[in-house]
């Protein structure tokens, strides 16, 4: 019977880190189902959902512990289950761009959470504007909107919040 394991790893960024970790996963009989990996400052962060048999977890813990010996990598492993599909929710994509300011992610999260809208995925990045060099911030989110919510009203409320916060934003259905 297959088990699911979430692995989070953060370590000093260097060439070969992804190879080292995925080699351990493969050699222990694990299969990466989903992953997110990014360089954040001088650190590299990985978040992975790995499937395998019951003995995979123990072998993974031992194998990944060996990679953590030099204190350049911190790994956490946690058992999990398949997330039950929520019926009556519609997937939407959210794209936001603005001058960098504190609280953008918090304000977006608060808006969706107070309406029982699940935030499924978030990616953010800071960058300099092409011509002006202004400090910019971009957010991409995947949210799941309950079907009972009136979309036109949701969109209107969302755009009002974004106008108040001076955010350029789009809320649109995910087209699969």
N, C-alpha and C. Protein backbone atom coordinates (compact mmCIF):
# COMPACT_ATOMS: atom_id res chain seq x y z
N UNK A 1 0.84 -1.18 0.00
CA UNK A 1 0.00 0.00 0.00
C UNK A 1 0.88 1.24 0.00
N UNK A 2 0.57 2.18 -0.84
CA UNK A 2 1.38 3.38 -0.99
C UNK A 2 1.09 4.39 0.12
N UNK A 3 2.14 5.01 0.63
CA UNK A 3 2.06 6.04 1.64
C UNK A 3 2.47 7.37 1.01
N UNK A 4 2.01 8.47 1.58
CA UNK A 4 2.43 9.79 1.13
C UNK A 4 3.24 10.46 2.22
N UNK A 5 4.30 11.12 1.79
CA UNK A 5 5.22 11.78 2.70
C UNK A 5 5.49 13.17 2.15
N UNK A 6 5.47 14.17 3.03
CA UNK A 6 5.85 15.52 2.65
C UNK A 6 7.28 15.74 3.16
N UNK A 7 8.14 16.16 2.27
CA UNK A 7 9.53 16.47 2.63
C UNK A 7 9.75 17.95 2.40
N UNK A 8 10.25 18.63 3.42
CA UNK A 8 10.68 20.02 3.23
C UNK A 8 12.17 20.05 3.52
N UNK A 9 12.90 20.76 2.67
CA UNK A 9 14.35 20.85 2.82
C UNK A 9 14.79 22.27 2.52
N UNK A 10 15.64 22.80 3.37
CA UNK A 10 16.21 24.13 3.17
C UNK A 10 17.70 24.01 3.43
N UNK A 11 18.49 24.55 2.49
CA UNK A 11 19.92 24.48 2.67
C UNK A 11 20.64 25.52 1.85
N UNK A 12 21.91 25.67 2.13
CA UNK A 12 22.73 26.60 1.39
C UNK A 12 22.72 26.19 -0.08
N UNK A 13 22.40 27.14 -0.95
CA UNK A 13 22.29 26.85 -2.37
C UNK A 13 23.65 26.46 -2.95
N UNK A 14 23.67 25.36 -3.66
CA UNK A 14 24.87 24.94 -4.39
C UNK A 14 24.48 23.97 -5.49
N UNK A 15 25.30 23.90 -6.51
CA UNK A 15 25.06 22.99 -7.62
C UNK A 15 25.05 21.55 -7.11
N UNK A 16 24.05 20.79 -7.50
CA UNK A 16 23.97 19.38 -7.13
C UNK A 16 23.03 19.08 -5.98
N UNK A 17 22.48 20.10 -5.33
CA UNK A 17 21.60 19.86 -4.18
C UNK A 17 20.34 19.10 -4.59
N UNK A 18 19.71 19.50 -5.68
CA UNK A 18 18.51 18.81 -6.16
C UNK A 18 18.86 17.36 -6.50
N UNK A 19 19.98 17.16 -7.16
CA UNK A 19 20.40 15.81 -7.52
C UNK A 19 20.63 14.96 -6.26
N UNK A 20 21.29 15.52 -5.26
CA UNK A 20 21.58 14.77 -4.03
C UNK A 20 20.29 14.30 -3.35
N UNK A 21 19.33 15.20 -3.22
CA UNK A 21 18.09 14.86 -2.52
C UNK A 21 17.25 13.89 -3.34
N UNK A 22 17.13 14.14 -4.63
CA UNK A 22 16.31 13.25 -5.45
C UNK A 22 16.95 11.87 -5.62
N UNK A 23 18.26 11.81 -5.52
CA UNK A 23 18.94 10.51 -5.57
C UNK A 23 18.56 9.67 -4.36
N UNK A 24 18.51 10.29 -3.19
CA UNK A 24 18.11 9.58 -1.97
C UNK A 24 16.66 9.10 -2.10
N UNK A 25 15.79 9.97 -2.60
CA UNK A 25 14.38 9.60 -2.76
C UNK A 25 14.25 8.40 -3.69
N UNK A 26 14.92 8.45 -4.82
CA UNK A 26 14.87 7.36 -5.79
C UNK A 26 15.43 6.07 -5.22
N UNK A 27 16.58 6.15 -4.53
CA UNK A 27 17.22 4.94 -4.01
C UNK A 27 16.40 4.30 -2.88
N UNK A 28 15.52 5.06 -2.25
CA UNK A 28 14.67 4.53 -1.18
C UNK A 28 13.33 4.03 -1.69
N UNK A 29 13.11 4.11 -3.00
CA UNK A 29 11.86 3.64 -3.57
C UNK A 29 10.76 4.68 -3.57
N UNK A 30 11.14 5.93 -3.38
CA UNK A 30 10.14 7.00 -3.37
C UNK A 30 9.91 7.55 -4.77
N UNK A 31 8.74 8.14 -4.98
CA UNK A 31 8.39 8.77 -6.24
C UNK A 31 7.87 10.17 -5.95
N UNK A 32 8.45 11.18 -6.58
CA UNK A 32 8.02 12.55 -6.35
C UNK A 32 6.72 12.78 -7.11
N UNK A 33 5.64 13.05 -6.36
CA UNK A 33 4.32 13.29 -6.94
C UNK A 33 4.15 14.77 -7.30
N UNK A 34 4.57 15.65 -6.41
CA UNK A 34 4.49 17.10 -6.62
C UNK A 34 5.71 17.71 -5.95
N UNK A 35 6.14 18.87 -6.47
CA UNK A 35 7.25 19.56 -5.81
C UNK A 35 7.24 21.04 -6.14
N UNK A 36 7.84 21.80 -5.25
CA UNK A 36 8.10 23.22 -5.46
C UNK A 36 9.54 23.42 -5.00
N UNK A 37 10.32 24.09 -5.80
CA UNK A 37 11.71 24.35 -5.46
C UNK A 37 12.06 25.76 -5.88
N UNK A 38 12.83 26.45 -5.02
CA UNK A 38 13.19 27.82 -5.34
C UNK A 38 14.44 28.24 -4.58
N UNK A 39 15.19 29.15 -5.19
CA UNK A 39 16.29 29.79 -4.51
C UNK A 39 15.73 31.03 -3.83
N UNK A 40 15.96 31.14 -2.54
CA UNK A 40 15.48 32.28 -1.74
C UNK A 40 16.70 32.88 -1.05
N UNK A 41 17.15 34.03 -1.54
CA UNK A 41 18.40 34.58 -1.04
C UNK A 41 19.52 33.63 -1.42
N UNK A 42 20.35 33.27 -0.45
CA UNK A 42 21.43 32.31 -0.73
C UNK A 42 21.05 30.89 -0.32
N UNK A 43 19.77 30.69 0.01
CA UNK A 43 19.28 29.37 0.40
C UNK A 43 18.47 28.76 -0.73
N UNK A 44 18.38 27.44 -0.73
CA UNK A 44 17.55 26.72 -1.67
C UNK A 44 16.51 25.98 -0.86
N UNK A 45 15.23 26.10 -1.24
CA UNK A 45 14.15 25.46 -0.51
C UNK A 45 13.40 24.50 -1.42
N UNK A 46 13.04 23.35 -0.87
CA UNK A 46 12.29 22.33 -1.60
C UNK A 46 11.12 21.88 -0.74
N UNK A 47 10.00 21.67 -1.40
CA UNK A 47 8.84 21.10 -0.75
C UNK A 47 8.32 20.03 -1.71
N UNK A 48 8.25 18.79 -1.23
CA UNK A 48 7.89 17.69 -2.12
C UNK A 48 6.87 16.76 -1.48
N UNK A 49 5.97 16.26 -2.31
CA UNK A 49 5.06 15.20 -1.91
C UNK A 49 5.61 13.93 -2.55
N UNK A 50 5.98 12.96 -1.72
CA UNK A 50 6.63 11.74 -2.19
C UNK A 50 5.76 10.55 -1.82
N UNK A 51 5.59 9.64 -2.78
CA UNK A 51 4.85 8.41 -2.49
C UNK A 51 5.84 7.25 -2.43
N UNK A 52 5.43 6.25 -1.68
CA UNK A 52 6.26 5.05 -1.55
C UNK A 52 5.59 4.08 -0.60
N UNK A 53 6.19 2.92 -0.44
CA UNK A 53 5.66 1.91 0.47
C UNK A 53 6.01 2.27 1.91
N UNK A 54 5.46 1.55 2.86
CA UNK A 54 5.60 1.88 4.28
C UNK A 54 7.06 1.97 4.70
N UNK A 55 7.93 1.17 4.10
CA UNK A 55 9.34 1.20 4.50
C UNK A 55 10.11 2.37 3.89
N UNK A 56 9.51 3.07 2.94
CA UNK A 56 10.16 4.20 2.29
C UNK A 56 10.47 5.31 3.30
N UNK A 57 9.55 5.59 4.22
CA UNK A 57 9.74 6.67 5.19
C UNK A 57 10.99 6.45 6.02
N UNK A 58 11.15 5.29 6.57
CA UNK A 58 12.31 5.00 7.41
C UNK A 58 13.61 5.12 6.60
N UNK A 59 13.62 4.57 5.41
CA UNK A 59 14.81 4.64 4.57
C UNK A 59 15.12 6.07 4.16
N UNK A 60 14.05 6.85 3.89
CA UNK A 60 14.25 8.26 3.53
C UNK A 60 14.84 9.05 4.70
N UNK A 61 14.33 8.83 5.89
CA UNK A 61 14.86 9.54 7.07
C UNK A 61 16.36 9.27 7.23
N UNK A 62 16.75 8.01 7.11
CA UNK A 62 18.15 7.66 7.26
C UNK A 62 19.00 8.27 6.13
N UNK A 63 18.51 8.17 4.90
CA UNK A 63 19.27 8.68 3.76
C UNK A 63 19.40 10.19 3.79
N UNK A 64 18.33 10.88 4.14
CA UNK A 64 18.37 12.34 4.17
C UNK A 64 19.17 12.86 5.37
N UNK A 65 19.16 12.11 6.48
CA UNK A 65 19.99 12.49 7.64
C UNK A 65 21.46 12.56 7.26
N UNK A 66 21.90 11.66 6.39
CA UNK A 66 23.31 11.69 5.95
C UNK A 66 23.63 12.97 5.21
N UNK A 67 22.67 13.51 4.45
CA UNK A 67 22.89 14.76 3.72
C UNK A 67 22.94 15.97 4.66
N UNK A 68 22.40 15.82 5.87
CA UNK A 68 22.33 16.94 6.81
C UNK A 68 23.55 17.00 7.75
N UNK A 69 24.48 16.12 7.59
CA UNK A 69 25.62 16.03 8.51
C UNK A 69 26.43 17.32 8.62
N UNK A 70 26.61 18.06 7.52
CA UNK A 70 27.48 19.24 7.54
C UNK A 70 26.74 20.53 7.92
N UNK A 71 25.51 20.41 8.42
CA UNK A 71 24.69 21.56 8.82
C UNK A 71 24.41 22.55 7.69
N UNK A 72 24.56 22.12 6.44
CA UNK A 72 24.25 22.96 5.30
C UNK A 72 22.84 22.70 4.79
N UNK A 73 22.16 21.70 5.40
CA UNK A 73 20.83 21.31 4.95
C UNK A 73 19.98 20.91 6.16
N UNK A 74 18.73 21.37 6.17
CA UNK A 74 17.77 20.99 7.20
C UNK A 74 16.59 20.34 6.49
N UNK A 75 16.23 19.13 6.94
CA UNK A 75 15.16 18.37 6.30
C UNK A 75 14.10 18.00 7.33
N UNK A 76 12.85 18.08 6.91
CA UNK A 76 11.72 17.66 7.75
C UNK A 76 10.87 16.71 6.93
N UNK A 77 10.43 15.62 7.56
CA UNK A 77 9.60 14.63 6.88
C UNK A 77 8.32 14.45 7.69
N UNK A 78 7.21 14.36 6.97
CA UNK A 78 5.92 14.21 7.65
C UNK A 78 5.01 13.33 6.81
N UNK A 79 4.36 12.36 7.46
CA UNK A 79 3.38 11.53 6.77
C UNK A 79 2.14 12.37 6.51
N UNK A 80 1.46 12.06 5.41
CA UNK A 80 0.22 12.76 5.08
C UNK A 80 -0.72 11.81 4.36
N UNK A 81 -1.90 12.28 4.06
CA UNK A 81 -2.90 11.51 3.33
C UNK A 81 -3.29 12.26 2.06
N UNK A 82 -3.98 11.59 1.18
CA UNK A 82 -4.51 12.24 -0.01
C UNK A 82 -5.56 13.25 0.45
N UNK A 83 -5.49 14.45 -0.09
CA UNK A 83 -6.48 15.47 0.27
C UNK A 83 -7.78 15.15 -0.45
N UNK A 84 -8.87 15.04 0.32
CA UNK A 84 -10.15 14.75 -0.35
C UNK A 84 -10.55 15.91 -1.25
N UNK A 85 -11.08 15.57 -2.40
CA UNK A 85 -11.53 16.60 -3.34
C UNK A 85 -12.75 17.30 -2.75
N UNK A 86 -12.69 18.63 -2.80
CA UNK A 86 -13.83 19.41 -2.31
C UNK A 86 -14.76 19.67 -3.48
N UNK A 87 -15.97 19.21 -3.33
CA UNK A 87 -16.96 19.42 -4.39
C UNK A 87 -17.49 20.84 -4.30
N UNK A 88 -18.08 21.26 -5.37
CA UNK A 88 -18.73 22.57 -5.42
C UNK A 88 -17.76 23.72 -5.19
N UNK A 89 -16.55 23.59 -5.70
CA UNK A 89 -15.58 24.68 -5.68
C UNK A 89 -15.05 24.87 -7.09
N UNK A 90 -14.90 26.13 -7.45
CA UNK A 90 -14.43 26.46 -8.80
C UNK A 90 -13.01 27.01 -8.71
N UNK A 91 -12.09 26.50 -9.53
CA UNK A 91 -10.71 27.00 -9.50
C UNK A 91 -10.58 28.35 -10.21
N UNK A 92 -9.94 29.29 -9.53
CA UNK A 92 -9.68 30.62 -10.09
C UNK A 92 -8.20 30.94 -9.94
N UNK A 93 -7.71 31.75 -10.88
CA UNK A 93 -6.34 32.25 -10.84
C UNK A 93 -6.37 33.72 -10.46
N UNK A 94 -5.44 34.11 -9.62
CA UNK A 94 -5.31 35.50 -9.19
C UNK A 94 -3.90 35.97 -9.56
N UNK A 95 -3.82 37.10 -10.26
CA UNK A 95 -2.53 37.71 -10.60
C UNK A 95 -2.55 39.14 -10.09
N UNK A 96 -1.52 39.50 -9.33
CA UNK A 96 -1.43 40.83 -8.75
C UNK A 96 -0.03 41.38 -9.01
N UNK A 97 0.03 42.65 -9.40
CA UNK A 97 1.31 43.36 -9.56
C UNK A 97 1.14 44.72 -8.90
N UNK A 98 2.17 45.15 -8.16
CA UNK A 98 2.09 46.43 -7.48
C UNK A 98 3.49 46.92 -7.11
N UNK A 99 3.56 48.20 -6.76
CA UNK A 99 4.78 48.68 -6.13
C UNK A 99 4.94 47.89 -4.84
N UNK A 100 6.16 47.50 -4.54
CA UNK A 100 6.40 46.67 -3.36
C UNK A 100 6.00 47.44 -2.10
N UNK A 101 5.21 46.78 -1.26
CA UNK A 101 4.78 47.37 0.01
C UNK A 101 4.47 46.23 0.97
N UNK A 102 4.56 46.50 2.24
CA UNK A 102 4.26 45.49 3.23
C UNK A 102 2.78 45.14 3.22
N UNK A 103 2.48 43.87 3.47
CA UNK A 103 1.11 43.46 3.70
C UNK A 103 0.33 42.99 2.49
N UNK A 104 0.94 42.94 1.33
CA UNK A 104 0.18 42.53 0.14
C UNK A 104 -0.35 41.11 0.30
N UNK A 105 0.51 40.17 0.63
CA UNK A 105 0.08 38.77 0.75
C UNK A 105 -0.93 38.62 1.89
N UNK A 106 -0.68 39.29 3.01
CA UNK A 106 -1.63 39.23 4.13
C UNK A 106 -3.00 39.73 3.72
N UNK A 107 -3.05 40.87 3.06
CA UNK A 107 -4.35 41.44 2.66
C UNK A 107 -5.09 40.54 1.68
N UNK A 108 -4.38 39.92 0.76
CA UNK A 108 -5.01 38.98 -0.17
C UNK A 108 -5.53 37.75 0.58
N UNK A 109 -4.70 37.22 1.47
CA UNK A 109 -5.10 36.04 2.25
C UNK A 109 -6.31 36.36 3.12
N UNK A 110 -6.32 37.52 3.73
CA UNK A 110 -7.45 37.91 4.56
C UNK A 110 -8.73 38.03 3.72
N UNK A 111 -8.63 38.63 2.54
CA UNK A 111 -9.79 38.76 1.67
C UNK A 111 -10.39 37.40 1.35
N UNK A 112 -9.56 36.44 0.93
CA UNK A 112 -10.08 35.13 0.53
C UNK A 112 -10.53 34.30 1.73
N UNK A 113 -9.78 34.34 2.80
CA UNK A 113 -10.12 33.54 3.98
C UNK A 113 -11.46 33.95 4.58
N UNK A 114 -11.71 35.24 4.66
CA UNK A 114 -12.98 35.71 5.26
C UNK A 114 -14.18 35.32 4.41
N UNK A 115 -13.95 34.86 3.19
CA UNK A 115 -15.04 34.43 2.30
C UNK A 115 -15.05 32.91 2.11
N UNK A 116 -14.30 32.19 2.95
CA UNK A 116 -14.20 30.73 2.88
C UNK A 116 -13.68 30.27 1.52
N UNK A 117 -12.77 31.04 0.94
CA UNK A 117 -12.15 30.68 -0.33
C UNK A 117 -10.80 30.07 -0.02
N UNK A 118 -10.62 28.83 -0.45
CA UNK A 118 -9.37 28.10 -0.19
C UNK A 118 -8.25 28.65 -1.07
N UNK A 119 -7.12 28.92 -0.45
CA UNK A 119 -5.91 29.29 -1.19
C UNK A 119 -5.12 28.01 -1.42
N UNK A 120 -5.01 27.59 -2.67
CA UNK A 120 -4.37 26.31 -2.99
C UNK A 120 -2.88 26.47 -3.29
N UNK A 121 -2.49 27.63 -3.83
CA UNK A 121 -1.10 27.81 -4.22
C UNK A 121 -0.79 29.30 -4.26
N UNK A 122 0.40 29.67 -3.83
CA UNK A 122 0.85 31.06 -3.86
C UNK A 122 2.30 31.11 -4.31
N UNK A 123 2.60 32.01 -5.22
CA UNK A 123 3.98 32.28 -5.63
C UNK A 123 4.14 33.80 -5.67
N UNK A 124 5.22 34.29 -5.10
CA UNK A 124 5.49 35.72 -5.11
C UNK A 124 6.92 35.97 -5.57
N UNK A 125 7.14 37.19 -6.04
CA UNK A 125 8.51 37.58 -6.38
C UNK A 125 8.62 39.10 -6.36
N UNK A 126 9.80 39.56 -6.02
CA UNK A 126 10.14 40.98 -6.07
C UNK A 126 11.04 41.19 -7.26
N UNK A 127 10.92 42.35 -7.90
CA UNK A 127 11.78 42.66 -9.04
C UNK A 127 11.81 44.16 -9.25
N UNK A 128 12.73 44.62 -10.06
CA UNK A 128 12.82 46.04 -10.39
C UNK A 128 12.10 46.29 -11.71
N UNK A 129 11.30 47.36 -11.76
CA UNK A 129 10.59 47.71 -12.98
C UNK A 129 11.59 48.02 -14.09
N UNK A 130 11.24 47.65 -15.31
CA UNK A 130 12.16 47.75 -16.45
C UNK A 130 12.70 49.17 -16.68
N UNK A 131 11.86 50.15 -16.77
CA UNK A 131 12.31 51.49 -17.16
C UNK A 131 12.60 52.40 -15.98
N UNK A 132 11.86 52.21 -14.89
CA UNK A 132 12.01 53.13 -13.76
C UNK A 132 12.92 52.60 -12.66
N UNK A 133 13.06 51.28 -12.61
CA UNK A 133 13.85 50.67 -11.54
C UNK A 133 13.08 50.58 -10.22
N UNK A 134 11.80 50.96 -10.23
CA UNK A 134 10.99 50.91 -9.01
C UNK A 134 10.90 49.47 -8.50
N UNK A 135 10.84 49.33 -7.19
CA UNK A 135 10.73 48.02 -6.55
C UNK A 135 9.29 47.52 -6.69
N UNK A 136 9.12 46.41 -7.41
CA UNK A 136 7.81 45.85 -7.72
C UNK A 136 7.62 44.52 -6.99
N UNK A 137 6.35 44.11 -6.88
CA UNK A 137 6.01 42.85 -6.23
C UNK A 137 4.90 42.19 -7.04
N UNK A 138 5.04 40.90 -7.31
CA UNK A 138 4.04 40.15 -8.07
C UNK A 138 3.58 38.94 -7.25
N UNK A 139 2.29 38.65 -7.35
CA UNK A 139 1.69 37.50 -6.65
C UNK A 139 0.87 36.72 -7.66
N UNK A 140 1.04 35.42 -7.68
CA UNK A 140 0.17 34.52 -8.44
C UNK A 140 -0.42 33.53 -7.44
N UNK A 141 -1.73 33.41 -7.47
CA UNK A 141 -2.41 32.50 -6.56
C UNK A 141 -3.37 31.60 -7.33
N UNK A 142 -3.58 30.43 -6.79
CA UNK A 142 -4.65 29.55 -7.24
C UNK A 142 -5.60 29.44 -6.05
N UNK A 143 -6.86 29.76 -6.29
CA UNK A 143 -7.86 29.70 -5.22
C UNK A 143 -9.03 28.84 -5.67
N UNK A 144 -9.75 28.30 -4.71
CA UNK A 144 -10.94 27.48 -4.99
C UNK A 144 -12.14 28.16 -4.35
N UNK A 145 -13.02 28.66 -5.21
CA UNK A 145 -14.17 29.46 -4.79
C UNK A 145 -15.40 28.57 -4.63
N UNK A 146 -16.06 28.63 -3.46
CA UNK A 146 -17.30 27.87 -3.28
C UNK A 146 -18.33 28.28 -4.33
N UNK A 147 -19.04 27.30 -4.85
CA UNK A 147 -20.01 27.59 -5.92
C UNK A 147 -21.17 28.46 -5.45
N UNK A 148 -21.37 28.57 -4.15
CA UNK A 148 -22.45 29.40 -3.62
C UNK A 148 -22.13 30.90 -3.71
N UNK A 149 -20.88 31.23 -3.92
CA UNK A 149 -20.47 32.64 -4.01
C UNK A 149 -20.83 33.19 -5.38
N UNK A 150 -21.43 34.34 -5.39
CA UNK A 150 -21.79 35.04 -6.63
C UNK A 150 -20.50 35.66 -7.19
N UNK A 151 -20.05 35.18 -8.33
CA UNK A 151 -18.75 35.56 -8.88
C UNK A 151 -18.67 37.05 -9.22
N UNK A 152 -19.69 37.61 -9.79
CA UNK A 152 -19.65 39.03 -10.15
C UNK A 152 -19.46 39.90 -8.90
N UNK A 153 -20.15 39.54 -7.83
CA UNK A 153 -20.00 40.29 -6.58
C UNK A 153 -18.61 40.08 -5.99
N UNK A 154 -18.11 38.84 -6.02
CA UNK A 154 -16.77 38.54 -5.53
C UNK A 154 -15.73 39.37 -6.30
N UNK A 155 -15.84 39.37 -7.62
CA UNK A 155 -14.89 40.11 -8.44
C UNK A 155 -14.94 41.60 -8.11
N UNK A 156 -16.14 42.14 -7.93
CA UNK A 156 -16.29 43.56 -7.61
C UNK A 156 -15.65 43.89 -6.26
N UNK A 157 -15.89 43.06 -5.25
CA UNK A 157 -15.29 43.26 -3.92
C UNK A 157 -13.77 43.14 -3.98
N UNK A 158 -13.31 42.16 -4.74
CA UNK A 158 -11.86 41.95 -4.88
C UNK A 158 -11.20 43.16 -5.53
N UNK A 159 -11.78 43.65 -6.59
CA UNK A 159 -11.19 44.81 -7.28
C UNK A 159 -11.27 46.07 -6.42
N UNK A 160 -12.30 46.20 -5.60
CA UNK A 160 -12.37 47.34 -4.67
C UNK A 160 -11.23 47.29 -3.67
N UNK A 161 -10.98 46.12 -3.11
CA UNK A 161 -9.86 45.96 -2.16
C UNK A 161 -8.55 46.27 -2.86
N UNK A 162 -8.38 45.76 -4.06
CA UNK A 162 -7.14 45.99 -4.80
C UNK A 162 -6.97 47.47 -5.14
N UNK A 163 -8.05 48.15 -5.50
CA UNK A 163 -7.97 49.59 -5.76
C UNK A 163 -7.55 50.35 -4.50
N UNK A 164 -8.15 49.97 -3.38
CA UNK A 164 -7.82 50.63 -2.10
C UNK A 164 -6.34 50.44 -1.75
N UNK A 165 -5.79 49.27 -2.07
CA UNK A 165 -4.39 48.96 -1.75
C UNK A 165 -3.42 49.32 -2.88
N UNK A 166 -3.96 49.87 -3.97
CA UNK A 166 -3.17 50.24 -5.14
C UNK A 166 -2.48 49.02 -5.77
N UNK A 167 -3.27 47.96 -5.96
CA UNK A 167 -2.79 46.73 -6.58
C UNK A 167 -3.45 46.58 -7.95
N UNK A 168 -2.68 46.24 -8.94
CA UNK A 168 -3.23 45.90 -10.27
C UNK A 168 -3.49 44.40 -10.24
N UNK A 169 -4.75 43.99 -10.41
CA UNK A 169 -5.10 42.59 -10.19
C UNK A 169 -6.08 42.04 -11.20
N UNK A 170 -6.02 40.72 -11.35
CA UNK A 170 -6.95 39.98 -12.20
C UNK A 170 -7.42 38.76 -11.41
N UNK A 171 -8.71 38.47 -11.47
CA UNK A 171 -9.31 37.27 -10.90
C UNK A 171 -10.08 36.62 -12.02
N UNK A 172 -9.61 35.43 -12.46
CA UNK A 172 -10.26 34.79 -13.60
C UNK A 172 -10.32 33.28 -13.41
N UNK A 173 -11.31 32.64 -14.03
CA UNK A 173 -11.43 31.18 -13.90
C UNK A 173 -10.25 30.48 -14.55
N UNK A 174 -9.89 29.35 -13.98
CA UNK A 174 -8.85 28.52 -14.57
C UNK A 174 -9.49 27.72 -15.69
N UNK A 175 -8.91 27.81 -16.85
CA UNK A 175 -9.43 27.10 -18.01
C UNK A 175 -8.57 25.85 -18.22
N UNK A 176 -9.19 24.70 -18.03
CA UNK A 176 -8.42 23.46 -18.18
C UNK A 176 -8.66 22.80 -19.49
